[in-house]
Amino acid sequence: MKKILSGIVFISCISSVFCTDDGKYSFISKIFTEENIGKEIIYHTDRKLSFTIPSIGYVKYVSSFNESIKYIGEKGEFHILESTLTEMETENIVANVEVMDYYWQAMEGIPCHLYIERYGTVAYIETIKEEHDYLLEAFEGAYNGMFEKNYIYPFYSRAEAMGLQPLSKKIGESWMGGTDSSKFYFTMNSPPSFAWIEETNKLKKVKNRRGRKIVTIEENATLLLDVNIMINILGEDRFIKGSANGTLEAIWKWDVEANGVISIRSISNLQGDFKMDDETFFTKLSREETFKLLK
């Protein structure tokens, strides 16, 4: 088996939402308990990245997949999740030509292990069978999005993770968050990019829906990105490098009684200066992502 370090950037978590007697809500995961070992949770993810290169034209990368996760226990200082991607679909278009991604197809139904460190993020990814080691970088690309992924503290603060300052908010209250130099991948074949994020979260409302108490959280963030993108143009890999800045807006839905995320919808609008070979250009990038509980 091989393992690869992962600075996964998309916050997706299986969290408990607790409401205290004073009407405050706290968000801390309870997945890593003995009673949850072996239990399966399934999420569906949709992603779309689009931008224009002046000399090439419109570029679009679209993907969707289901992710099944099971808590399988502890190993040393880590919690271990077994994750399997299924129903994987992709549509990648560069200059009106479809680009096939064979690694994407090869990952279908192949499980891997995610090692979760004490602060809730993924320390590294490990294949279960040595014959699948060649898929490690593809796994890392597939599990990355535009947020820091945290399986214990969805709205991460180091003080909360250390037990010094638990997050506890009432309806209408806001709080700050962010990440520094978080690693992610624009496309599965790209080198890592890095994000600096400053975010404001607000607990907008709590509603009863068909007997379930649903929490809505609104997130607004500013982004600074160190961008590295590899795209295939007419069978040739081309490298794009640059810097971008922009904004992100997201809506989170939580089920209080079921102790978990229902959905996350996010839209990122970015712009910046880039270089590809000897060409320099300015362009705007759009990134959309949805994350929804299926089971």
Protein backbone atom coordinates (compact mmCIF):
# COMPACT_ATOMS: atom_id res chain seq x y z
CA MET A 1 0.00 0.00 0.00
CA LYS A 2 1.07 3.58 -0.62
CA LYS A 3 -0.04 6.76 1.02
CA ILE A 4 -0.11 10.36 -0.14
CA LEU A 5 -0.33 13.55 1.89
CA SER A 6 -3.53 15.47 1.37
CA GLY A 7 -4.41 19.06 2.18
CA ILE A 8 -8.02 18.51 1.15
CA VAL A 9 -9.93 21.74 0.70
CA PHE A 10 -13.59 20.99 0.54
CA ILE A 11 -15.34 21.03 3.96
CA SER A 12 -17.67 18.11 4.02
CA CYS A 13 -18.49 16.57 7.33
CA ILE A 14 -20.79 14.26 9.17
CA SER A 15 -21.59 16.48 12.09
CA SER A 16 -23.84 16.68 15.06
CA VAL A 17 -25.69 19.94 15.57
CA PHE A 18 -26.44 20.44 19.25
CA CYS A 19 -28.89 22.99 20.63
CA THR A 20 -28.39 24.09 24.22
CA ASP A 21 -31.07 25.37 26.58
CA ASP A 22 -30.12 28.99 25.77
CA GLY A 23 -30.91 28.48 22.07
CA LYS A 24 -27.29 28.17 20.92
CA TYR A 25 -26.14 25.60 18.37
CA SER A 26 -22.77 23.84 18.27
CA PHE A 27 -21.32 21.93 15.34
CA ILE A 28 -19.04 19.03 16.31
CA SER A 29 -18.85 15.67 14.59
CA LYS A 30 -19.81 12.52 16.45
CA ILE A 31 -19.03 10.09 13.63
CA PHE A 32 -15.87 8.79 15.31
CA THR A 33 -17.54 6.64 17.98
CA GLU A 34 -17.65 2.87 18.40
CA GLU A 35 -21.39 2.70 17.67
CA ASN A 36 -20.78 4.25 14.23
CA ILE A 37 -18.13 1.74 13.13
CA GLY A 38 -19.24 0.12 9.89
CA LYS A 39 -22.21 2.42 9.30
CA GLU A 40 -22.49 3.72 5.74
CA ILE A 41 -23.29 7.30 4.75
CA ILE A 42 -23.65 8.32 1.10
CA TYR A 43 -23.28 11.80 -0.38
CA HIS A 44 -23.61 13.08 -3.93
CA THR A 45 -21.25 15.75 -5.32
CA ASP A 46 -21.54 17.88 -8.48
CA ARG A 47 -18.71 20.16 -9.63
CA LYS A 48 -18.27 22.57 -12.52
CA LEU A 49 -15.23 24.68 -13.43
CA SER A 50 -15.33 27.02 -16.45
CA PHE A 51 -13.11 29.75 -17.90
CA THR A 52 -11.89 31.11 -21.24
CA ILE A 53 -8.38 31.13 -22.71
CA PRO A 54 -8.21 33.85 -25.40
CA SER A 55 -6.15 31.82 -27.87
CA ILE A 56 -8.04 28.56 -27.25
CA GLY A 57 -11.62 29.35 -26.31
CA TYR A 58 -14.05 28.05 -23.71
CA VAL A 59 -12.90 25.43 -21.16
CA LYS A 60 -15.31 23.42 -19.03
CA TYR A 61 -14.68 20.63 -16.52
CA VAL A 62 -17.84 18.99 -15.11
CA SER A 63 -17.94 15.97 -12.78
CA SER A 64 -20.35 14.17 -10.49
CA PHE A 65 -20.09 11.15 -8.20
CA ASN A 66 -21.49 9.44 -5.12
CA GLU A 67 -19.22 9.02 -2.10
CA SER A 68 -19.84 6.22 0.39
CA ILE A 69 -17.99 6.57 3.68
CA LYS A 70 -17.67 4.20 6.63
CA TYR A 71 -15.86 4.73 9.90
CA ILE A 72 -13.64 1.69 10.45
CA GLY A 73 -11.82 2.67 13.66
CA GLU A 74 -8.59 4.16 14.96
CA LYS A 75 -4.97 3.53 14.05
CA GLY A 76 -2.43 5.28 16.20
CA GLU A 77 -3.34 8.96 16.39
CA PHE A 78 -5.70 8.82 13.40
CA HIS A 79 -9.35 8.01 12.77
CA ILE A 80 -9.82 6.02 9.54
CA LEU A 81 -12.64 6.39 7.04
CA GLU A 82 -13.14 3.98 4.15
CA SER A 83 -14.40 5.92 1.14
CA THR A 84 -15.62 4.62 -2.23
CA LEU A 85 -16.64 6.70 -5.25
CA THR A 86 -19.39 5.36 -7.53
CA GLU A 87 -21.70 6.55 -10.32
CA MET A 88 -18.86 8.72 -11.59
CA GLU A 89 -19.57 10.91 -14.59
CA THR A 90 -17.52 13.61 -16.27
CA GLU A 91 -17.77 16.02 -19.19
CA ASN A 92 -14.59 17.90 -19.98
CA ILE A 93 -14.61 20.27 -22.97
CA VAL A 94 -11.59 22.23 -24.25
CA ALA A 95 -11.99 24.30 -27.42
CA ASN A 96 -15.14 22.35 -28.40
CA VAL A 97 -13.30 19.03 -28.06
CA GLU A 98 -14.21 16.49 -25.37
CA VAL A 99 -11.28 15.37 -23.23
CA MET A 100 -11.46 11.85 -21.78
CA ASP A 101 -10.20 11.13 -18.28
CA TYR A 102 -9.28 7.46 -17.96
CA TYR A 103 -8.08 7.72 -14.37
CA TRP A 104 -11.53 9.03 -13.43
CA GLN A 105 -13.13 5.94 -14.92
CA ALA A 106 -10.60 3.65 -13.24
CA MET A 107 -11.52 4.93 -9.74
CA GLU A 108 -15.12 3.73 -10.02
CA GLY A 109 -15.90 1.44 -7.08
CA ILE A 110 -12.30 1.33 -5.77
CA PRO A 111 -12.17 2.02 -1.99
CA CYS A 112 -9.42 3.93 -0.23
CA HIS A 113 -8.67 4.93 3.35
CA LEU A 114 -8.73 8.53 4.60
CA TYR A 115 -6.62 9.14 7.71
CA ILE A 116 -8.19 11.91 9.82
CA GLU A 117 -5.92 13.75 12.26
CA ARG A 118 -6.96 15.26 15.60
CA TYR A 119 -8.04 18.62 14.14
CA GLY A 120 -10.42 16.91 11.71
CA THR A 121 -8.58 17.26 8.41
CA VAL A 122 -7.23 14.48 6.19
CA ALA A 123 -3.56 13.80 6.92
CA TYR A 124 -3.13 11.38 4.01
CA ILE A 125 -4.89 8.93 1.71
CA GLU A 126 -3.94 5.26 1.47
CA THR A 127 -4.94 2.62 -1.05
CA ILE A 128 -6.27 -0.67 0.29
CA LYS A 129 -4.71 -2.86 -2.42
CA GLU A 130 -1.24 -2.32 -3.86
CA GLU A 131 -2.59 -2.84 -7.36
CA HIS A 132 -4.45 0.47 -7.00
CA ASP A 133 -1.43 2.56 -5.97
CA TYR A 134 -1.36 4.18 -9.42
CA LEU A 135 -4.69 5.86 -8.54
CA LEU A 136 -3.38 7.77 -5.50
CA GLU A 137 -2.98 11.13 -7.21
CA ALA A 138 -6.35 10.67 -8.90
CA PHE A 139 -7.95 10.02 -5.49
CA GLU A 140 -6.44 13.19 -4.12
CA GLY A 141 -7.72 15.23 -7.07
CA ALA A 142 -11.20 13.71 -6.81
CA TYR A 143 -11.55 14.41 -3.08
CA ASN A 144 -10.56 18.07 -3.42
CA GLY A 145 -12.80 21.08 -3.91
CA MET A 146 -12.67 24.75 -2.92
CA PHE A 147 -12.99 24.48 0.88
CA GLU A 148 -10.94 22.90 3.62
CA LYS A 149 -12.41 19.52 4.36
CA ASN A 150 -12.93 18.87 8.05
CA TYR A 151 -14.66 15.78 9.43
CA ILE A 152 -14.84 16.95 13.06
CA TYR A 153 -15.11 20.75 13.08
CA PRO A 154 -17.01 21.92 9.96
CA PHE A 155 -16.44 25.60 10.81
CA TYR A 156 -12.90 25.04 11.95
CA SER A 157 -11.03 27.08 14.53
CA ARG A 158 -7.91 25.78 16.23
CA ALA A 159 -9.21 27.04 19.60
CA GLU A 160 -12.34 24.93 19.18
CA ALA A 161 -10.34 21.90 18.06
CA MET A 162 -8.16 22.18 21.16
CA GLY A 163 -11.25 22.41 23.37
CA LEU A 164 -10.46 25.97 24.44
CA GLN A 165 -13.32 27.87 22.78
CA PRO A 166 -16.28 25.77 21.55
CA LEU A 167 -18.30 27.28 18.72
CA SER A 168 -21.82 28.01 19.99
CA LYS A 169 -24.13 30.42 18.13
CA LYS A 170 -27.70 31.67 18.23
CA ILE A 171 -29.91 32.51 15.25
CA GLY A 172 -28.64 35.74 13.69
CA GLU A 173 -25.12 35.50 15.11
CA SER A 174 -22.03 35.53 12.89
CA TRP A 175 -18.47 34.26 13.29
CA MET A 176 -15.22 34.43 11.37
CA GLY A 177 -13.13 31.61 9.97
CA GLY A 178 -10.58 30.86 7.29
CA THR A 179 -7.66 28.80 6.08
CA ASP A 180 -4.08 29.54 5.07
CA SER A 181 -2.29 27.88 2.15
CA SER A 182 -4.85 25.08 1.75
CA LYS A 183 -4.04 22.65 -1.04
CA PHE A 184 -6.57 21.73 -3.73
CA TYR A 185 -6.74 20.68 -7.39
CA PHE A 186 -8.58 22.53 -10.16
CA THR A 187 -8.63 19.36 -12.27
CA MET A 188 -7.61 15.80 -11.48
CA ASN A 189 -4.52 15.97 -13.71
CA SER A 190 -3.34 19.33 -12.36
CA PRO A 191 -0.54 20.04 -9.90
CA PRO A 192 -1.76 21.35 -6.54
CA SER A 193 -3.02 24.90 -6.19
CA PHE A 194 -3.22 26.81 -2.91
CA ALA A 195 -5.91 28.99 -1.33
CA TRP A 196 -5.99 31.65 1.38
CA ILE A 197 -9.57 32.09 2.58
CA GLU A 198 -11.22 34.56 4.96
CA GLU A 199 -14.84 33.74 5.66
CA THR A 200 -17.84 35.03 7.57
CA ASN A 201 -20.53 32.55 8.60
CA LYS A 202 -23.99 33.42 9.84
CA LEU A 203 -26.61 31.20 11.41
CA LYS A 204 -29.58 32.47 9.39
CA LYS A 205 -32.52 30.43 10.62
CA VAL A 206 -33.83 27.21 12.10
CA LYS A 207 -37.04 25.78 10.67
CA ASN A 208 -39.19 22.74 11.32
CA ARG A 209 -39.70 20.88 8.05
CA ARG A 210 -41.84 17.73 8.09
CA GLY A 211 -41.00 17.14 11.71
CA ARG A 212 -37.28 17.82 11.26
CA LYS A 213 -35.41 20.83 12.60
CA ILE A 214 -33.27 22.30 9.79
CA VAL A 215 -30.44 24.78 10.39
CA THR A 216 -29.43 27.17 7.59
CA ILE A 217 -25.94 28.73 7.62
CA GLU A 218 -24.79 31.35 5.12
CA GLU A 219 -21.10 31.61 4.25
CA ASN A 220 -19.37 34.48 2.45
CA ALA A 221 -15.65 34.42 1.80
CA THR A 222 -12.85 36.23 0.01
CA LEU A 223 -10.23 34.11 -1.75
CA LEU A 224 -6.61 34.52 -2.82
CA LEU A 225 -5.35 31.67 -4.98
CA ASP A 226 -2.02 30.42 -6.28
CA VAL A 227 -3.31 28.68 -9.43
CA ASN A 228 -1.82 25.69 -11.26
CA ILE A 229 -3.94 24.02 -13.95
CA MET A 230 -3.03 21.28 -16.42
CA ILE A 231 -5.38 20.93 -19.40
CA ASN A 232 -5.25 18.72 -22.46
CA ILE A 233 -5.50 20.58 -25.78
CA LEU A 234 -5.75 18.36 -28.86
CA GLY A 235 -3.84 15.56 -27.13
CA GLU A 236 -1.13 17.78 -25.65
CA ASP A 237 -0.89 18.70 -21.96
CA ARG A 238 -0.57 22.46 -21.41
CA PHE A 239 0.27 24.12 -18.11
CA ILE A 240 -1.46 27.29 -16.83
CA LYS A 241 0.01 29.20 -13.89
CA GLY A 242 -1.10 32.42 -12.21
CA SER A 243 -2.78 34.19 -9.32
CA ALA A 244 -6.46 34.84 -8.79
CA ASN A 245 -8.76 36.49 -6.30
CA GLY A 246 -12.50 36.53 -5.83
CA THR A 247 -15.46 35.62 -3.68
CA LEU A 248 -17.34 32.57 -2.56
CA GLU A 249 -20.95 32.25 -1.44
CA ALA A 250 -22.33 29.09 0.14
CA ILE A 251 -25.49 27.86 1.85
CA TRP A 252 -25.35 24.98 4.34
CA LYS A 253 -28.36 22.92 5.47
CA TRP A 254 -28.20 20.78 8.62
CA ASP A 255 -30.62 18.29 10.14
CA VAL A 256 -30.51 18.71 13.92
CA GLU A 257 -32.27 15.47 14.88
CA ALA A 258 -30.40 13.34 12.32
CA ASN A 259 -27.10 14.93 13.37
CA GLY A 260 -25.77 15.60 9.89
CA VAL A 261 -25.34 17.79 6.84
CA ILE A 262 -28.19 17.77 4.33
CA SER A 263 -26.57 19.86 1.62
CA ILE A 264 -23.97 22.49 0.77
CA ARG A 265 -24.23 24.73 -2.30
CA SER A 266 -21.34 27.01 -3.23
CA ILE A 267 -20.42 29.37 -6.06
CA SER A 268 -16.97 30.90 -6.52
CA ASN A 269 -16.29 33.80 -8.90
CA LEU A 270 -12.60 34.40 -9.53
CA GLN A 271 -10.39 36.49 -11.78
CA GLY A 272 -6.68 36.87 -12.34
CA ASP A 273 -3.63 37.00 -14.59
CA PHE A 274 -2.24 33.78 -16.03
CA LYS A 275 0.49 32.40 -18.24
CA MET A 276 0.40 29.40 -20.60
CA ASP A 277 3.63 28.75 -22.50
CA ASP A 278 4.57 32.21 -23.87
CA GLU A 279 1.03 33.57 -23.68
CA THR A 280 -0.11 35.81 -20.84
CA PHE A 281 -3.77 36.59 -20.38
CA PHE A 282 -6.48 37.79 -18.00
CA THR A 283 -9.54 35.63 -17.46
CA LYS A 284 -12.45 34.96 -15.11
CA LEU A 285 -13.12 31.55 -13.60
CA SER A 286 -16.39 30.19 -12.26
CA ARG A 287 -16.56 27.27 -9.85
CA GLU A 288 -19.81 25.66 -8.69
CA GLU A 289 -20.14 22.78 -6.26
CA THR A 290 -23.03 21.01 -4.54
CA PHE A 291 -22.88 18.37 -1.85
CA LYS A 292 -26.03 16.47 -0.85
CA LEU A 293 -26.88 13.70 1.58
CA LEU A 294 -28.43 10.65 -0.11
CA LYS A 295 -28.48 8.11 2.74
